[in-house]
Amino acid sequence: MKGLIKIIIFIIGSVGFGYALFATIPSFSNWAYLWIILTGLWLCAWLIGVAAHRDSIKKEKAKAEIEALPLLTEAVTVISKFHEKDVSGSLGFTDTKNAYFIVFELPDKSREKFAVTSRQYALIREGETGILSYRRFGTLPDNIPEEMLEAALQAHLIFVDFRGA
């Protein structure tokens, strides 16, 4: 996909350069407006690409920070599952956000709440026992997925995996 975008940007830039050459001839002066428009579009596409590249670098850095945290693995029991629905909006438009949580009981009898994805929520059953892998952090890494942000802020925990026994 990135290669296709680069090709399209190259074509737009090439066409714009060609029109710039014709803009110097008086009979083609109307083409100058088209060249300006195409150059503006090329510049916008370039700026969007730079912004996307910066975002991807931030996400990679956040992922590396999370993966650098020690991975904890313990035998656990699923105590409960629940989800919270947040509906907001106005003027006939609504935005619904669902947050899914699972509470595990650790071997020391403490209970920890983890934010999970909707798929993980659907696959894990209450009362199930298995091996939980998670990461605990002191400060929140950048760009944590929004669906896990609230619970991670409260518990300083990131759910990694659960394998039922």
Protein backbone atom coordinates (compact mmCIF):
# COMPACT_ATOMS: atom_id res chain seq x y z
CA MET A 1 0.00 0.00 0.00
CA LYS A 2 2.83 2.43 0.84
CA GLY A 3 4.46 1.69 -2.53
CA LEU A 4 1.24 2.58 -4.36
CA ILE A 5 0.96 5.85 -2.46
CA LYS A 6 4.56 6.72 -3.35
CA ILE A 7 3.88 6.00 -7.03
CA ILE A 8 0.75 8.20 -7.01
CA ILE A 9 2.65 11.03 -5.33
CA PHE A 10 5.47 10.68 -7.87
CA ILE A 11 3.02 10.85 -10.78
CA ILE A 12 1.28 13.91 -9.35
CA GLY A 13 4.64 15.60 -8.80
CA SER A 14 5.83 14.71 -12.31
CA VAL A 15 2.65 16.02 -13.91
CA GLY A 16 2.94 19.20 -11.85
CA PHE A 17 6.54 19.67 -13.01
CA GLY A 18 5.47 19.18 -16.63
CA TYR A 19 2.79 21.82 -16.28
CA ALA A 20 5.35 24.16 -14.75
CA LEU A 21 7.36 23.94 -17.94
CA PHE A 22 4.33 24.81 -20.06
CA ALA A 23 3.37 27.69 -17.76
CA THR A 24 6.35 29.68 -19.07
CA ILE A 25 4.81 29.78 -22.57
CA PRO A 26 2.20 32.59 -22.80
CA SER A 27 -0.39 30.48 -24.64
CA PHE A 28 -0.33 27.92 -21.81
CA SER A 29 -0.75 30.44 -18.98
CA ASN A 30 -4.04 28.84 -17.86
CA TRP A 31 -2.07 25.70 -17.13
CA ALA A 32 -0.22 27.60 -14.41
CA TYR A 33 -3.33 27.45 -12.23
CA LEU A 34 -3.55 23.72 -12.72
CA TRP A 35 0.14 23.37 -11.87
CA ILE A 36 -0.37 25.37 -8.66
CA ILE A 37 -3.31 23.15 -7.67
CA LEU A 38 -1.39 19.94 -8.39
CA THR A 39 1.66 21.19 -6.55
CA GLY A 40 -0.55 22.05 -3.58
CA LEU A 41 -2.07 18.57 -3.64
CA TRP A 42 1.38 17.03 -3.83
CA LEU A 43 2.53 19.14 -0.89
CA CYS A 44 -0.53 18.10 1.16
CA ALA A 45 0.08 14.43 0.36
CA TRP A 46 3.72 14.81 1.37
CA LEU A 47 2.77 16.44 4.70
CA ILE A 48 0.22 13.71 5.41
CA GLY A 49 2.93 11.11 4.74
CA VAL A 50 5.32 12.83 7.15
CA ALA A 51 2.63 12.93 9.86
CA ALA A 52 1.80 9.24 9.33
CA HIS A 53 5.49 8.36 9.54
CA ARG A 54 5.84 10.23 12.85
CA ASP A 55 2.80 8.41 14.26
CA SER A 56 4.20 5.03 13.25
CA ILE A 57 7.51 5.85 14.93
CA LYS A 58 5.69 6.80 18.16
CA LYS A 59 3.69 3.55 18.06
CA GLU A 60 6.82 1.48 17.50
CA LYS A 61 8.53 3.23 20.42
CA ALA A 62 5.53 2.59 22.69
CA LYS A 63 5.44 -1.06 21.64
CA ALA A 64 9.15 -1.40 22.40
CA GLU A 65 8.64 0.22 25.84
CA ILE A 66 5.83 -2.22 26.63
CA GLU A 67 7.80 -5.23 25.40
CA ALA A 68 10.79 -4.16 27.52
CA LEU A 69 8.70 -4.59 30.68
CA PRO A 70 9.17 -7.95 32.42
CA LEU A 71 6.61 -10.58 31.40
CA LEU A 72 4.91 -12.10 34.44
CA THR A 73 3.28 -15.53 34.12
CA GLU A 74 1.03 -17.03 36.80
CA ALA A 75 -1.63 -19.70 37.24
CA VAL A 76 -4.94 -17.89 37.70
CA THR A 77 -8.70 -18.31 37.87
CA VAL A 78 -11.17 -16.08 36.02
CA ILE A 79 -13.39 -14.54 38.70
CA SER A 80 -15.64 -12.27 36.62
CA LYS A 81 -16.11 -10.52 33.30
CA PHE A 82 -17.89 -7.27 32.61
CA HIS A 83 -18.05 -4.51 30.06
CA GLU A 84 -18.82 -0.82 30.25
CA LYS A 85 -20.61 1.06 27.50
CA ASP A 86 -20.08 4.77 26.98
CA VAL A 87 -22.57 6.46 24.65
CA SER A 88 -22.03 10.07 23.73
CA GLY A 89 -23.08 12.40 20.96
CA SER A 90 -25.52 15.07 19.91
CA LEU A 91 -27.65 16.21 17.00
CA GLY A 92 -28.64 12.66 16.10
CA PHE A 93 -25.08 11.35 15.95
CA THR A 94 -23.91 8.95 18.63
CA ASP A 95 -20.54 7.48 19.45
CA THR A 96 -20.49 4.22 21.39
CA LYS A 97 -17.37 2.92 23.08
CA ASN A 98 -17.23 -0.46 24.78
CA ALA A 99 -14.59 -1.36 27.34
CA TYR A 100 -14.16 -5.02 28.28
CA PHE A 101 -12.67 -6.22 31.56
CA ILE A 102 -11.77 -9.54 33.14
CA VAL A 103 -10.93 -10.03 36.83
CA PHE A 104 -8.39 -12.76 37.62
CA GLU A 105 -7.51 -14.25 40.99
CA LEU A 106 -3.74 -14.65 41.34
CA PRO A 107 -2.03 -17.40 43.38
CA ASP A 108 -1.62 -15.06 46.39
CA LYS A 109 -5.47 -14.66 46.42
CA SER A 110 -5.27 -11.05 45.22
CA ARG A 111 -7.54 -10.00 42.37
CA GLU A 112 -6.48 -7.94 39.39
CA LYS A 113 -8.69 -6.31 36.76
CA PHE A 114 -7.42 -6.28 33.16
CA ALA A 115 -8.77 -4.44 30.15
CA VAL A 116 -9.05 -6.85 27.22
CA THR A 117 -10.19 -6.73 23.62
CA SER A 118 -13.70 -7.82 22.65
CA ARG A 119 -12.28 -11.01 21.11
CA GLN A 120 -10.38 -11.95 24.28
CA TYR A 121 -13.51 -11.16 26.31
CA ALA A 122 -15.57 -13.54 24.17
CA LEU A 123 -13.07 -16.40 24.37
CA ILE A 124 -12.43 -16.42 28.14
CA ARG A 125 -15.13 -17.89 30.43
CA GLU A 126 -15.85 -17.17 34.10
CA GLY A 127 -14.52 -19.90 36.40
CA GLU A 128 -11.90 -20.97 33.87
CA THR A 129 -8.38 -21.66 35.16
CA GLY A 130 -5.21 -21.24 33.19
CA ILE A 131 -1.95 -19.40 32.74
CA LEU A 132 -2.05 -15.59 32.58
CA SER A 133 0.78 -13.58 31.04
CA TYR A 134 0.85 -9.87 31.81
CA ARG A 135 3.11 -6.88 32.27
CA ARG A 136 3.13 -4.48 35.22
CA PHE A 137 4.45 -0.93 34.79
CA GLY A 138 5.15 2.06 36.99
CA THR A 139 4.38 4.76 34.46
CA LEU A 140 2.03 4.41 31.52
CA PRO A 141 3.76 3.87 28.16
CA ASP A 142 2.84 6.21 25.30
CA ASN A 143 0.17 5.21 22.77
CA ILE A 144 -1.39 2.34 24.71
CA PRO A 145 -4.52 1.14 22.84
CA GLU A 146 -7.50 3.32 23.80
CA GLU A 147 -9.66 0.32 24.64
CA MET A 148 -7.19 -0.67 27.38
CA LEU A 149 -6.25 2.79 28.60
CA GLU A 150 -8.70 3.30 31.49
CA ALA A 151 -8.06 0.00 33.25
CA ALA A 152 -4.32 0.20 32.64
CA LEU A 153 -4.27 3.63 34.27
CA GLN A 154 -6.08 2.29 37.33
CA ALA A 155 -4.19 -0.96 37.79
CA HIS A 156 -0.84 -0.39 36.04
CA LEU A 157 -1.34 -3.71 34.27
CA ILE A 158 -1.29 -4.76 30.62
CA PHE A 159 -2.99 -8.01 29.60
CA VAL A 160 -0.81 -10.13 27.28
CA ASP A 161 -2.30 -13.64 27.03
CA PHE A 162 -4.41 -16.26 28.80
CA ARG A 163 -4.27 -19.97 28.06
CA GLY A 164 -6.94 -22.12 29.65
CA ALA A 165 -5.89 -25.31 31.36
